[in-house]
């Protein structure tokens, strides 16, 4: 499990790698609160993620809702791995609008 932050004047990029689960929930939550509080665009990289548990999914879903309320763009940094997007779709979620009707992760220009 790795959670890393890269920041520039225009955006913050959070990179999630490996298995993101309850053991990393506190760290992820604090990081999401901090980057949303900065008011810059937020990009989430899931390319290196192997699995997101329900806690991680809930945190990303809540962050997306808060970003919308605050008028902050929150989007994937690149394509979402198909196994993760498929799992999200099976749960009835499509974070960042990245899963199409067929459950295929769409490419996001970065």
PDB file of N, CA and C in Angstrom:
ATOM      1  N   UNK A   1       0.840  -1.170   0.000  1.00  0.00           N
ATOM      2  CA  UNK A   1       0.000   0.000   0.000  1.00  0.00           C
ATOM      3  C   UNK A   1       0.886   1.234   0.000  1.00  0.00           C
ATOM      4  N   UNK A   2       0.635   2.104  -0.960  1.00  0.00           N
ATOM      5  CA  UNK A   2       1.332   3.379  -1.026  1.00  0.00           C
ATOM      6  C   UNK A   2       0.334   4.461  -1.374  1.00  0.00           C
ATOM      7  N   UNK A   3       0.397   5.541  -0.615  1.00  0.00           N
ATOM      8  CA  UNK A   3      -0.384   6.731  -0.916  1.00  0.00           C
ATOM      9  C   UNK A   3       0.616   7.868  -1.009  1.00  0.00           C
ATOM     10  N   UNK A   4       0.691   8.489  -2.179  1.00  0.00           N
ATOM     11  CA  UNK A   4       1.664   9.557  -2.395  1.00  0.00           C
ATOM     12  C   UNK A   4       0.962  10.796  -2.934  1.00  0.00           C
ATOM     13  N   UNK A   5       1.509  11.942  -2.623  1.00  0.00           N
ATOM     14  CA  UNK A   5       0.950  13.212  -3.080  1.00  0.00           C
ATOM     15  C   UNK A   5       1.994  13.969  -3.886  1.00  0.00           C
ATOM     16  N   UNK A   6       1.575  14.441  -5.055  1.00  0.00           N
ATOM     17  CA  UNK A   6       2.396  15.322  -5.883  1.00  0.00           C
ATOM     18  C   UNK A   6       1.599  16.605  -6.066  1.00  0.00           C
ATOM     19  N   UNK A   7       2.233  17.753  -5.791  1.00  0.00           N
ATOM     20  CA  UNK A   7       1.512  19.016  -5.890  1.00  0.00           C
ATOM     21  C   UNK A   7       2.210  19.989  -6.824  1.00  0.00           C
ATOM     22  N   UNK A   8       1.394  20.802  -7.502  1.00  0.00           N
ATOM     23  CA  UNK A   8       1.891  21.905  -8.300  1.00  0.00           C
ATOM     24  C   UNK A   8       0.974  23.087  -8.006  1.00  0.00           C
ATOM     25  N   UNK A   9       1.229  24.205  -8.637  1.00  0.00           N
ATOM     26  CA  UNK A   9       0.382  25.376  -8.418  1.00  0.00           C
ATOM     27  C   UNK A   9      -1.044  25.129  -8.883  1.00  0.00           C
ATOM     28  N   UNK A  10      -1.206  24.329  -9.914  1.00  0.00           N
ATOM     29  CA  UNK A  10      -2.516  24.134 -10.535  1.00  0.00           C
ATOM     30  C   UNK A  10      -3.294  22.933 -10.007  1.00  0.00           C
ATOM     31  N   UNK A  11      -2.595  21.894  -9.537  1.00  0.00           N
ATOM     32  CA  UNK A  11      -3.309  20.675  -9.143  1.00  0.00           C
ATOM     33  C   UNK A  11      -2.536  19.856  -8.129  1.00  0.00           C
ATOM     34  N   UNK A  12      -3.280  18.956  -7.499  1.00  0.00           N
ATOM     35  CA  UNK A  12      -2.709  17.953  -6.603  1.00  0.00           C
ATOM     36  C   UNK A  12      -3.017  16.592  -7.196  1.00  0.00           C
ATOM     37  N   UNK A  13      -2.034  15.704  -7.187  1.00  0.00           N
ATOM     38  CA  UNK A  13      -2.235  14.340  -7.693  1.00  0.00           C
ATOM     39  C   UNK A  13      -1.973  13.380  -6.541  1.00  0.00           C
ATOM     40  N   UNK A  14      -2.986  12.561  -6.242  1.00  0.00           N
ATOM     41  CA  UNK A  14      -2.847  11.524  -5.224  1.00  0.00           C
ATOM     42  C   UNK A  14      -2.673  10.205  -5.955  1.00  0.00           C
ATOM     43  N   UNK A  15      -1.567   9.514  -5.681  1.00  0.00           N
ATOM     44  CA  UNK A  15      -1.289   8.220  -6.305  1.00  0.00           C
ATOM     45  C   UNK A  15      -1.556   7.108  -5.291  1.00  0.00           C
ATOM     46  N   UNK A  16      -2.447   6.204  -5.672  1.00  0.00           N
ATOM     47  CA  UNK A  16      -2.785   5.055  -4.843  1.00  0.00           C
ATOM     48  C   UNK A  16      -2.220   3.811  -5.506  1.00  0.00           C
ATOM     49  N   UNK A  17      -1.422   3.060  -4.746  1.00  0.00           N
ATOM     50  CA  UNK A  17      -0.793   1.863  -5.298  1.00  0.00           C
ATOM     51  C   UNK A  17      -0.975   0.688  -4.351  1.00  0.00           C
ATOM     52  N   UNK A  18      -1.069  -0.491  -4.942  1.00  0.00           N
ATOM     53  CA  UNK A  18      -1.222  -1.704  -4.151  1.00  0.00           C
ATOM     54  C   UNK A  18      -2.645  -1.864  -3.658  1.00  0.00           C
ATOM     55  N   UNK A  19      -2.786  -2.428  -2.467  1.00  0.00           N
ATOM     56  CA  UNK A  19      -4.089  -2.646  -1.856  1.00  0.00           C
ATOM     57  C   UNK A  19      -4.369  -1.481  -0.916  1.00  0.00           C
ATOM     58  N   UNK A  20      -5.437  -0.754  -1.198  1.00  0.00           N
ATOM     59  CA  UNK A  20      -5.826   0.374  -0.363  1.00  0.00           C
ATOM     60  C   UNK A  20      -7.025  -0.088   0.460  1.00  0.00           C
ATOM     61  N   UNK A  21      -6.807  -0.206   1.780  1.00  0.00           N
ATOM     62  CA  UNK A  21      -7.847  -0.754   2.634  1.00  0.00           C
ATOM     63  C   UNK A  21      -7.966   0.042   3.930  1.00  0.00           C
ATOM     64  N   UNK A  22      -8.634  -0.529   4.908  1.00  0.00           N
ATOM     65  CA  UNK A  22      -8.904   0.179   6.157  1.00  0.00           C
ATOM     66  C   UNK A  22      -7.620   0.608   6.869  1.00  0.00           C
ATOM     67  N   UNK A  23      -6.542  -0.124   6.668  1.00  0.00           N
ATOM     68  CA  UNK A  23      -5.285   0.237   7.331  1.00  0.00           C
ATOM     69  C   UNK A  23      -4.723   1.562   6.817  1.00  0.00           C
ATOM     70  N   UNK A  24      -5.121   1.977   5.622  1.00  0.00           N
ATOM     71  CA  UNK A  24      -4.652   3.247   5.064  1.00  0.00           C
ATOM     72  C   UNK A  24      -5.748   4.313   5.025  1.00  0.00           C
ATOM     73  N   UNK A  25      -6.919   4.001   5.592  1.00  0.00           N
ATOM     74  CA  UNK A  25      -8.069   4.908   5.517  1.00  0.00           C
ATOM     75  C   UNK A  25      -7.794   6.256   6.164  1.00  0.00           C
ATOM     76  N   UNK A  26      -7.187   6.267   7.318  1.00  0.00           N
ATOM     77  CA  UNK A  26      -6.923   7.526   8.018  1.00  0.00           C
ATOM     78  C   UNK A  26      -6.002   8.425   7.208  1.00  0.00           C
ATOM     79  N   UNK A  27      -4.945   7.838   6.672  1.00  0.00           N
ATOM     80  CA  UNK A  27      -3.994   8.596   5.849  1.00  0.00           C
ATOM     81  C   UNK A  27      -4.671   9.154   4.596  1.00  0.00           C
ATOM     82  N   UNK A  28      -5.469   8.324   3.924  1.00  0.00           N
ATOM     83  CA  UNK A  28      -6.159   8.762   2.715  1.00  0.00           C
ATOM     84  C   UNK A  28      -7.162   9.873   3.035  1.00  0.00           C
ATOM     85  N   UNK A  29      -7.910   9.708   4.121  1.00  0.00           N
ATOM     86  CA  UNK A  29      -8.894  10.717   4.503  1.00  0.00           C
ATOM     87  C   UNK A  29      -8.225  12.067   4.771  1.00  0.00           C
ATOM     88  N   UNK A  30      -7.156  12.069   5.557  1.00  0.00           N
ATOM     89  CA  UNK A  30      -6.449  13.315   5.868  1.00  0.00           C
ATOM     90  C   UNK A  30      -5.914  13.976   4.605  1.00  0.00           C
ATOM     91  N   UNK A  31      -5.383  13.188   3.707  1.00  0.00           N
ATOM     92  CA  UNK A  31      -4.834  13.715   2.460  1.00  0.00           C
ATOM     93  C   UNK A  31      -5.939  14.311   1.583  1.00  0.00           C
ATOM     94  N   UNK A  32      -7.063  13.625   1.474  1.00  0.00           N
ATOM     95  CA  UNK A  32      -8.182  14.140   0.686  1.00  0.00           C
ATOM     96  C   UNK A  32      -8.709  15.452   1.261  1.00  0.00           C
ATOM     97  N   UNK A  33      -8.841  15.528   2.567  1.00  0.00           N
ATOM     98  CA  UNK A  33      -9.298  16.762   3.212  1.00  0.00           C
ATOM     99  C   UNK A  33      -8.326  17.901   2.916  1.00  0.00           C
ATOM    100  N   UNK A  34      -7.038  17.620   3.028  1.00  0.00           N
ATOM    101  CA  UNK A  34      -6.023  18.657   2.792  1.00  0.00           C
ATOM    102  C   UNK A  34      -6.038  19.167   1.354  1.00  0.00           C
ATOM    103  N   UNK A  35      -6.080  18.260   0.392  1.00  0.00           N
ATOM    104  CA  UNK A  35      -6.032  18.706  -1.004  1.00  0.00           C
ATOM    105  C   UNK A  35      -7.318  19.405  -1.421  1.00  0.00           C
ATOM    106  N   UNK A  36      -8.449  18.955  -0.917  1.00  0.00           N
ATOM    107  CA  UNK A  36      -9.698  19.646  -1.233  1.00  0.00           C
ATOM    108  C   UNK A  36      -9.722  21.028  -0.581  1.00  0.00           C
ATOM    109  N   UNK A  37      -9.134  21.136   0.590  1.00  0.00           N
ATOM    110  CA  UNK A  37      -9.062  22.424   1.281  1.00  0.00           C
ATOM    111  C   UNK A  37      -8.191  23.437   0.563  1.00  0.00           C
ATOM    112  N   UNK A  38      -7.256  22.960  -0.241  1.00  0.00           N
ATOM    113  CA  UNK A  38      -6.363  23.858  -0.978  1.00  0.00           C
ATOM    114  C   UNK A  38      -7.079  24.516  -2.159  1.00  0.00           C
ATOM    115  N   UNK A  39      -8.191  23.930  -2.594  1.00  0.00           N
ATOM    116  CA  UNK A  39      -8.993  24.525  -3.656  1.00  0.00           C
ATOM    117  C   UNK A  39      -8.479  24.332  -5.074  1.00  0.00           C
ATOM    118  N   UNK A  40      -7.420  23.538  -5.237  1.00  0.00           N
ATOM    119  CA  UNK A  40      -6.901  23.255  -6.579  1.00  0.00           C
ATOM    120  C   UNK A  40      -7.565  22.009  -7.142  1.00  0.00           C
ATOM    121  N   UNK A  41      -7.396  21.827  -8.445  1.00  0.00           N
ATOM    122  CA  UNK A  41      -7.854  20.603  -9.091  1.00  0.00           C
ATOM    123  C   UNK A  41      -7.191  19.408  -8.418  1.00  0.00           C
ATOM    124  N   UNK A  42      -7.944  18.321  -8.262  1.00  0.00           N
ATOM    125  CA  UNK A  42      -7.434  17.101  -7.638  1.00  0.00           C
ATOM    126  C   UNK A  42      -7.539  15.969  -8.647  1.00  0.00           C
ATOM    127  N   UNK A  43      -6.438  15.278  -8.839  1.00  0.00           N
ATOM    128  CA  UNK A  43      -6.408  14.110  -9.725  1.00  0.00           C
ATOM    129  C   UNK A  43      -6.059  12.899  -8.864  1.00  0.00           C
ATOM    130  N   UNK A  44      -6.729  11.791  -9.105  1.00  0.00           N
ATOM    131  CA  UNK A  44      -6.482  10.551  -8.378  1.00  0.00           C
ATOM    132  C   UNK A  44      -5.923   9.531  -9.366  1.00  0.00           C
ATOM    133  N   UNK A  45      -4.731   9.018  -9.069  1.00  0.00           N
ATOM    134  CA  UNK A  45      -4.130   7.991  -9.908  1.00  0.00           C
ATOM    135  C   UNK A  45      -4.383   6.627  -9.274  1.00  0.00           C
ATOM    136  N   UNK A  46      -5.107   5.793  -9.989  1.00  0.00           N
ATOM    137  CA  UNK A  46      -5.401   4.430  -9.537  1.00  0.00           C
ATOM    138  C   UNK A  46      -4.663   3.391 -10.373  1.00  0.00           C
ATOM    139  N   UNK A  47      -3.797   3.849 -11.270  1.00  0.00           N
ATOM    140  CA  UNK A  47      -3.108   2.929 -12.188  1.00  0.00           C
ATOM    141  C   UNK A  47      -2.349   1.822 -11.467  1.00  0.00           C
ATOM    142  N   UNK A  48      -1.748   2.142 -10.328  1.00  0.00           N
ATOM    143  CA  UNK A  48      -0.964   1.149  -9.600  1.00  0.00           C
ATOM    144  C   UNK A  48      -1.747   0.428  -8.524  1.00  0.00           C
ATOM    145  N   UNK A  49      -3.039   0.726  -8.417  1.00  0.00           N
ATOM    146  CA  UNK A  49      -3.866   0.096  -7.391  1.00  0.00           C
ATOM    147  C   UNK A  49      -4.258  -1.312  -7.820  1.00  0.00           C
ATOM    148  N   UNK A  50      -4.156  -2.249  -6.890  1.00  0.00           N
ATOM    149  CA  UNK A  50      -4.590  -3.617  -7.158  1.00  0.00           C
ATOM    150  C   UNK A  50      -5.980  -3.879  -6.610  1.00  0.00           C
ATOM    151  N   UNK A  51      -6.319  -3.175  -5.515  1.00  0.00           N
ATOM    152  CA  UNK A  51      -7.631  -3.393  -4.905  1.00  0.00           C
ATOM    153  C   UNK A  51      -7.966  -2.207  -4.011  1.00  0.00           C
ATOM    154  N   UNK A  52      -9.235  -1.831  -4.007  1.00  0.00           N
ATOM    155  CA  UNK A  52      -9.757  -0.815  -3.103  1.00  0.00           C
ATOM    156  C   UNK A  52     -10.835  -1.476  -2.273  1.00  0.00           C
ATOM    157  N   UNK A  53     -10.707  -1.411  -0.943  1.00  0.00           N
ATOM    158  CA  UNK A  53     -11.782  -1.975  -0.139  1.00  0.00           C
ATOM    159  C   UNK A  53     -12.897  -0.952  -0.003  1.00  0.00           C
ATOM    160  N   UNK A  54     -13.963  -1.328   0.671  1.00  0.00           N
ATOM    161  CA  UNK A  54     -15.131  -0.471   0.780  1.00  0.00           C
ATOM    162  C   UNK A  54     -14.800   0.852   1.463  1.00  0.00           C
ATOM    163  N   UNK A  55     -13.855   0.844   2.391  1.00  0.00           N
ATOM    164  CA  UNK A  55     -13.469   2.073   3.073  1.00  0.00           C
ATOM    165  C   UNK A  55     -12.852   3.062   2.095  1.00  0.00           C
ATOM    166  N   UNK A  56     -11.959   2.601   1.255  1.00  0.00           N
ATOM    167  CA  UNK A  56     -11.319   3.471   0.265  1.00  0.00           C
ATOM    168  C   UNK A  56     -12.341   3.989  -0.739  1.00  0.00           C
ATOM    169  N   UNK A  57     -13.241   3.121  -1.181  1.00  0.00           N
ATOM    170  CA  UNK A  57     -14.279   3.537  -2.127  1.00  0.00           C
ATOM    171  C   UNK A  57     -15.159   4.613  -1.504  1.00  0.00           C
ATOM    172  N   UNK A  58     -15.558   4.427  -0.253  1.00  0.00           N
ATOM    173  CA  UNK A  58     -16.384   5.419   0.427  1.00  0.00           C
ATOM    174  C   UNK A  58     -15.674   6.757   0.553  1.00  0.00           C
ATOM    175  N   UNK A  59     -14.390   6.728   0.871  1.00  0.00           N
ATOM    176  CA  UNK A  59     -13.624   7.973   0.991  1.00  0.00           C
ATOM    177  C   UNK A  59     -13.531   8.704  -0.349  1.00  0.00           C
ATOM    178  N   UNK A  60     -13.277   7.982  -1.414  1.00  0.00           N
ATOM    179  CA  UNK A  60     -13.208   8.606  -2.737  1.00  0.00           C
ATOM    180  C   UNK A  60     -14.570   9.138  -3.167  1.00  0.00           C
ATOM    181  N   UNK A  61     -15.623   8.395  -2.869  1.00  0.00           N
ATOM    182  CA  UNK A  61     -16.980   8.831  -3.203  1.00  0.00           C
ATOM    183  C   UNK A  61     -17.323  10.112  -2.447  1.00  0.00           C
ATOM    184  N   UNK A  62     -17.013  10.148  -1.134  1.00  0.00           N
ATOM    185  CA  UNK A  62     -17.278  11.344  -0.328  1.00  0.00           C
ATOM    186  C   UNK A  62     -16.451  12.525  -0.824  1.00  0.00           C
ATOM    187  N   UNK A  63     -15.195  12.276  -1.198  1.00  0.00           N
ATOM    188  CA  UNK A  63     -14.336  13.350  -1.716  1.00  0.00           C
ATOM    189  C   UNK A  63     -14.907  13.909  -3.011  1.00  0.00           C
ATOM    190  N   UNK A  64     -15.417  13.025  -3.862  1.00  0.00           N
ATOM    191  CA  UNK A  64     -16.008  13.482  -5.114  1.00  0.00           C
ATOM    192  C   UNK A  64     -17.221  14.369  -4.839  1.00  0.00           C
ATOM    193  N   UNK A  65     -18.054  13.968  -3.900  1.00  0.00           N
ATOM    194  CA  UNK A  65     -19.231  14.780  -3.539  1.00  0.00           C
ATOM    195  C   UNK A  65     -18.813  16.134  -2.994  1.00  0.00           C
ATOM    196  N   UNK A  66     -17.816  16.167  -2.122  1.00  0.00           N
ATOM    197  CA  UNK A  66     -17.348  17.431  -1.546  1.00  0.00           C
ATOM    198  C   UNK A  66     -16.719  18.327  -2.607  1.00  0.00           C
ATOM    199  N   UNK A  67     -15.994  17.725  -3.531  1.00  0.00           N
ATOM    200  CA  UNK A  67     -15.386  18.503  -4.613  1.00  0.00           C
ATOM    201  C   UNK A  67     -16.462  19.168  -5.462  1.00  0.00           C
ATOM    202  N   UNK A  68     -17.517  18.443  -5.768  1.00  0.00           N
ATOM    203  CA  UNK A  68     -18.613  19.006  -6.558  1.00  0.00           C
ATOM    204  C   UNK A  68     -19.229  20.191  -5.815  1.00  0.00           C
ATOM    205  N   UNK A  69     -19.487  20.024  -4.527  1.00  0.00           N
ATOM    206  CA  UNK A  69     -20.059  21.109  -3.714  1.00  0.00           C
ATOM    207  C   UNK A  69     -19.172  22.349  -3.722  1.00  0.00           C
ATOM    208  N   UNK A  70     -17.850  22.133  -3.669  1.00  0.00           N
ATOM    209  CA  UNK A  70     -16.898  23.237  -3.596  1.00  0.00           C
ATOM    210  C   UNK A  70     -16.502  23.783  -4.962  1.00  0.00           C
ATOM    211  N   UNK A  71     -16.985  23.146  -6.033  1.00  0.00           N
ATOM    212  CA  UNK A  71     -16.622  23.584  -7.378  1.00  0.00           C
ATOM    213  C   UNK A  71     -15.194  23.248  -7.754  1.00  0.00           C
ATOM    214  N   UNK A  72     -14.673  22.177  -7.160  1.00  0.00           N
ATOM    215  CA  UNK A  72     -13.306  21.728  -7.427  1.00  0.00           C
ATOM    216  C   UNK A  72     -13.373  20.521  -8.364  1.00  0.00           C
ATOM    217  N   UNK A  73     -12.551  20.536  -9.393  1.00  0.00           N
ATOM    218  CA  UNK A  73     -12.505  19.398 -10.311  1.00  0.00           C
ATOM    219  C   UNK A  73     -11.732  18.265  -9.646  1.00  0.00           C
ATOM    220  N   UNK A  74     -12.357  17.098  -9.560  1.00  0.00           N
ATOM    221  CA  UNK A  74     -11.720  15.896  -9.035  1.00  0.00           C
ATOM    222  C   UNK A  74     -11.913  14.824 -10.092  1.00  0.00           C
ATOM    223  N   UNK A  75     -10.811  14.270 -10.585  1.00  0.00           N
ATOM    224  CA  UNK A  75     -10.891  13.318 -11.692  1.00  0.00           C
ATOM    225  C   UNK A  75      -9.731  12.338 -11.614  1.00  0.00           C
ATOM    226  N   UNK A  76      -9.837  11.244 -12.362  1.00  0.00           N
ATOM    227  CA  UNK A  76      -8.713  10.306 -12.402  1.00  0.00           C
ATOM    228  C   UNK A  76      -7.537  10.925 -13.155  1.00  0.00           C
ATOM    229  N   UNK A  77      -6.330  10.560 -12.753  1.00  0.00           N
ATOM    230  CA  UNK A  77      -5.121  11.072 -13.407  1.00  0.00           C
ATOM    231  C   UNK A  77      -4.879  10.346 -14.727  1.00  0.00           C
ATOM    232  N   UNK A  78      -5.439   9.165 -14.884  1.00  0.00           N
ATOM    233  CA  UNK A  78      -5.285   8.358 -16.107  1.00  0.00           C
ATOM    234  C   UNK A  78      -6.409   7.335 -16.089  1.00  0.00           C
ATOM    235  N   UNK A  79      -6.288   6.323 -16.891  1.00  0.00           N
ATOM    236  CA  UNK A  79      -7.347   5.315 -16.928  1.00  0.00           C
ATOM    237  C   UNK A  79      -7.400   4.548 -15.602  1.00  0.00           C
ATOM    238  N   UNK A  80      -8.596   4.118 -15.258  1.00  0.00           N
ATOM    239  CA  UNK A  80      -8.806   3.312 -14.061  1.00  0.00           C
ATOM    240  C   UNK A  80      -8.654   1.853 -14.476  1.00  0.00           C
ATOM    241  N   UNK A  81      -7.839   1.077 -13.751  1.00  0.00           N
ATOM    242  CA  UNK A  81      -7.681  -0.335 -14.126  1.00  0.00           C
ATOM    243  C   UNK A  81      -9.045  -1.031 -14.223  1.00  0.00           C
ATOM    244  N   UNK A  82      -9.210  -1.827 -15.255  1.00  0.00           N
ATOM    245  CA  UNK A  82     -10.485  -2.486 -15.511  1.00  0.00           C
ATOM    246  C   UNK A  82     -10.951  -3.318 -14.309  1.00  0.00           C
ATOM    247  N   UNK A  83     -10.095  -4.096 -13.627  1.00  0.00           N
ATOM    248  CA  UNK A  83     -10.604  -4.857 -12.477  1.00  0.00           C
ATOM    249  C   UNK A  83     -11.198  -3.951 -11.392  1.00  0.00           C
ATOM    250  N   UNK A  84     -10.599  -2.790 -11.180  1.00  0.00           N
ATOM    251  CA  UNK A  84     -11.125  -1.874 -10.170  1.00  0.00           C
ATOM    252  C   UNK A  84     -12.416  -1.241 -10.655  1.00  0.00           C
ATOM    253  N   UNK A  85     -12.452  -0.800 -11.908  1.00  0.00           N
ATOM    254  CA  UNK A  85     -13.680  -0.192 -12.426  1.00  0.00           C
ATOM    255  C   UNK A  85     -14.816  -1.210 -12.462  1.00  0.00           C
ATOM    256  N   UNK A  86     -14.503  -2.458 -12.774  1.00  0.00           N
ATOM    257  CA  UNK A  86     -15.530  -3.499 -12.803  1.00  0.00           C
ATOM    258  C   UNK A  86     -16.072  -3.756 -11.398  1.00  0.00           C
ATOM    259  N   UNK A  87     -15.198  -3.794 -10.416  1.00  0.00           N
ATOM    260  CA  UNK A  87     -15.636  -3.977  -9.030  1.00  0.00           C
ATOM    261  C   UNK A  87     -16.524  -2.828  -8.583  1.00  0.00           C
ATOM    262  N   UNK A  88     -16.149  -1.607  -8.971  1.00  0.00           N
ATOM    263  CA  UNK A  88     -16.957  -0.443  -8.616  1.00  0.00           C
ATOM    264  C   UNK A  88     -18.330  -0.521  -9.262  1.00  0.00           C
ATOM    265  N   UNK A  89     -18.347  -0.931 -10.520  1.00  0.00           N
ATOM    266  CA  UNK A  89     -19.625  -1.046 -11.225  1.00  0.00           C
ATOM    267  C   UNK A  89     -20.502  -2.110 -10.574  1.00  0.00           C
ATOM    268  N   UNK A  90     -19.902  -3.241 -10.188  1.00  0.00           N
ATOM    269  CA  UNK A  90     -20.662  -4.298  -9.530  1.00  0.00           C
ATOM    270  C   UNK A  90     -21.285  -3.795  -8.231  1.00  0.00           C
ATOM    271  N   UNK A  91     -20.601  -2.854  -7.576  1.00  0.00           N
ATOM    272  CA  UNK A  91     -21.112  -2.270  -6.335  1.00  0.00           C
ATOM    273  C   UNK A  91     -22.110  -1.144  -6.614  1.00  0.00           C
ATOM    274  N   UNK A  92     -22.308  -0.826  -7.894  1.00  0.00           N
ATOM    275  CA  UNK A  92     -23.253   0.218  -8.258  1.00  0.00           C
ATOM    276  C   UNK A  92     -22.664   1.609  -8.249  1.00  0.00           C
ATOM    277  N   UNK A  93     -21.340   1.697  -8.262  1.00  0.00           N
ATOM    278  CA  UNK A  93     -20.664   2.989  -8.219  1.00  0.00           C
ATOM    279  C   UNK A  93     -19.867   3.224  -9.492  1.00  0.00           C
ATOM    280  N   UNK A  94     -19.755   4.464  -9.881  1.00  0.00           N
ATOM    281  CA  UNK A  94     -18.844   4.822 -10.972  1.00  0.00           C
ATOM    282  C   UNK A  94     -18.154   6.116 -10.573  1.00  0.00           C
ATOM    283  N   UNK A  95     -17.103   5.972  -9.804  1.00  0.00           N
ATOM    284  CA  UNK A  95     -16.352   7.131  -9.340  1.00  0.00           C
ATOM    285  C   UNK A  95     -15.813   7.919 -10.513  1.00  0.00           C
ATOM    286  N   UNK A  96     -15.921   9.227 -10.440  1.00  0.00           N
ATOM    287  CA  UNK A  96     -15.402  10.145 -11.440  1.00  0.00           C
ATOM    288  C   UNK A  96     -16.039   9.950 -12.808  1.00  0.00           C
ATOM    289  N   UNK A  97     -17.128   9.222 -12.891  1.00  0.00           N
ATOM    290  CA  UNK A  97     -17.768   8.993 -14.178  1.00  0.00           C
ATOM    291  C   UNK A  97     -16.894   8.220 -15.142  1.00  0.00           C
ATOM    292  N   UNK A  98     -16.042   7.317 -14.630  1.00  0.00           N
ATOM    293  CA  UNK A  98     -15.069   6.645 -15.484  1.00  0.00           C
ATOM    294  C   UNK A  98     -15.511   5.287 -15.997  1.00  0.00           C
ATOM    295  N   UNK A  99     -16.650   4.795 -15.560  1.00  0.00           N
ATOM    296  CA  UNK A  99     -17.085   3.481 -16.011  1.00  0.00           C
ATOM    297  C   UNK A  99     -18.281   3.659 -16.933  1.00  0.00           C
ATOM    298  N   UNK A 100     -18.173   3.127 -18.147  1.00  0.00           N
ATOM    299  CA  UNK A 100     -19.294   3.254 -19.076  1.00  0.00           C
ATOM    300  C   UNK A 100     -20.308   2.137 -18.837  1.00  0.00           C
ATOM    301  N   UNK A 101     -21.358   2.107 -19.611  1.00  0.00           N
ATOM    302  CA  UNK A 101     -22.429   1.137 -19.435  1.00  0.00           C
ATOM    303  C   UNK A 101     -21.932  -0.306 -19.521  1.00  0.00           C
ATOM    304  N   UNK A 102     -20.882  -0.548 -20.282  1.00  0.00           N
ATOM    305  CA  UNK A 102     -20.373  -1.912 -20.440  1.00  0.00           C
ATOM    306  C   UNK A 102     -19.349  -2.265 -19.366  1.00  0.00           C
ATOM    307  N   UNK A 103     -19.062  -1.325 -18.448  1.00  0.00           N
ATOM    308  CA  UNK A 103     -18.110  -1.602 -17.383  1.00  0.00           C
ATOM    309  C   UNK A 103     -16.677  -1.429 -17.808  1.00  0.00           C
ATOM    310  N   UNK A 104     -16.448  -0.717 -18.899  1.00  0.00           N
ATOM    311  CA  UNK A 104     -15.097  -0.522 -19.396  1.00  0.00           C
ATOM    312  C   UNK A 104     -14.607   0.843 -18.931  1.00  0.00           C
ATOM    313  N   UNK A 105     -13.426   0.875 -18.367  1.00  0.00           N
ATOM    314  CA  UNK A 105     -12.862   2.142 -17.914  1.00  0.00           C
ATOM    315  C   UNK A 105     -12.546   3.002 -19.112  1.00  0.00           C
ATOM    316  N   UNK A 106     -12.959   4.248 -19.058  1.00  0.00           N
ATOM    317  CA  UNK A 106     -12.677   5.160 -20.166  1.00  0.00           C
ATOM    318  C   UNK A 106     -11.345   5.849 -19.944  1.00  0.00           C
ATOM    319  N   UNK A 107     -10.705   6.198 -21.027  1.00  0.00           N
ATOM    320  CA  UNK A 107      -9.438   6.924 -20.959  1.00  0.00           C
ATOM    321  C   UNK A 107      -9.727   8.377 -20.625  1.00  0.00           C
ATOM    322  N   UNK A 108      -8.867   8.942 -19.804  1.00  0.00           N
ATOM    323  CA  UNK A 108      -8.996  10.347 -19.442  1.00  0.00           C
ATOM    324  C   UNK A 108      -7.737  11.044 -19.903  1.00  0.00           C
ATOM    325  N   UNK A 109      -7.912  12.040 -20.742  1.00  0.00           N
ATOM    326  CA  UNK A 109      -6.739  12.794 -21.220  1.00  0.00           C
ATOM    327  C   UNK A 109      -6.130  13.536 -20.068  1.00  0.00           C
ATOM    328  N   UNK A 110      -4.820  13.496 -19.980  1.00  0.00           N
ATOM    329  CA  UNK A 110      -4.189  14.109 -18.832  1.00  0.00           C
ATOM    330  C   UNK A 110      -3.229  15.133 -19.211  1.00  0.00           C
TER     331      UNK A 110
END
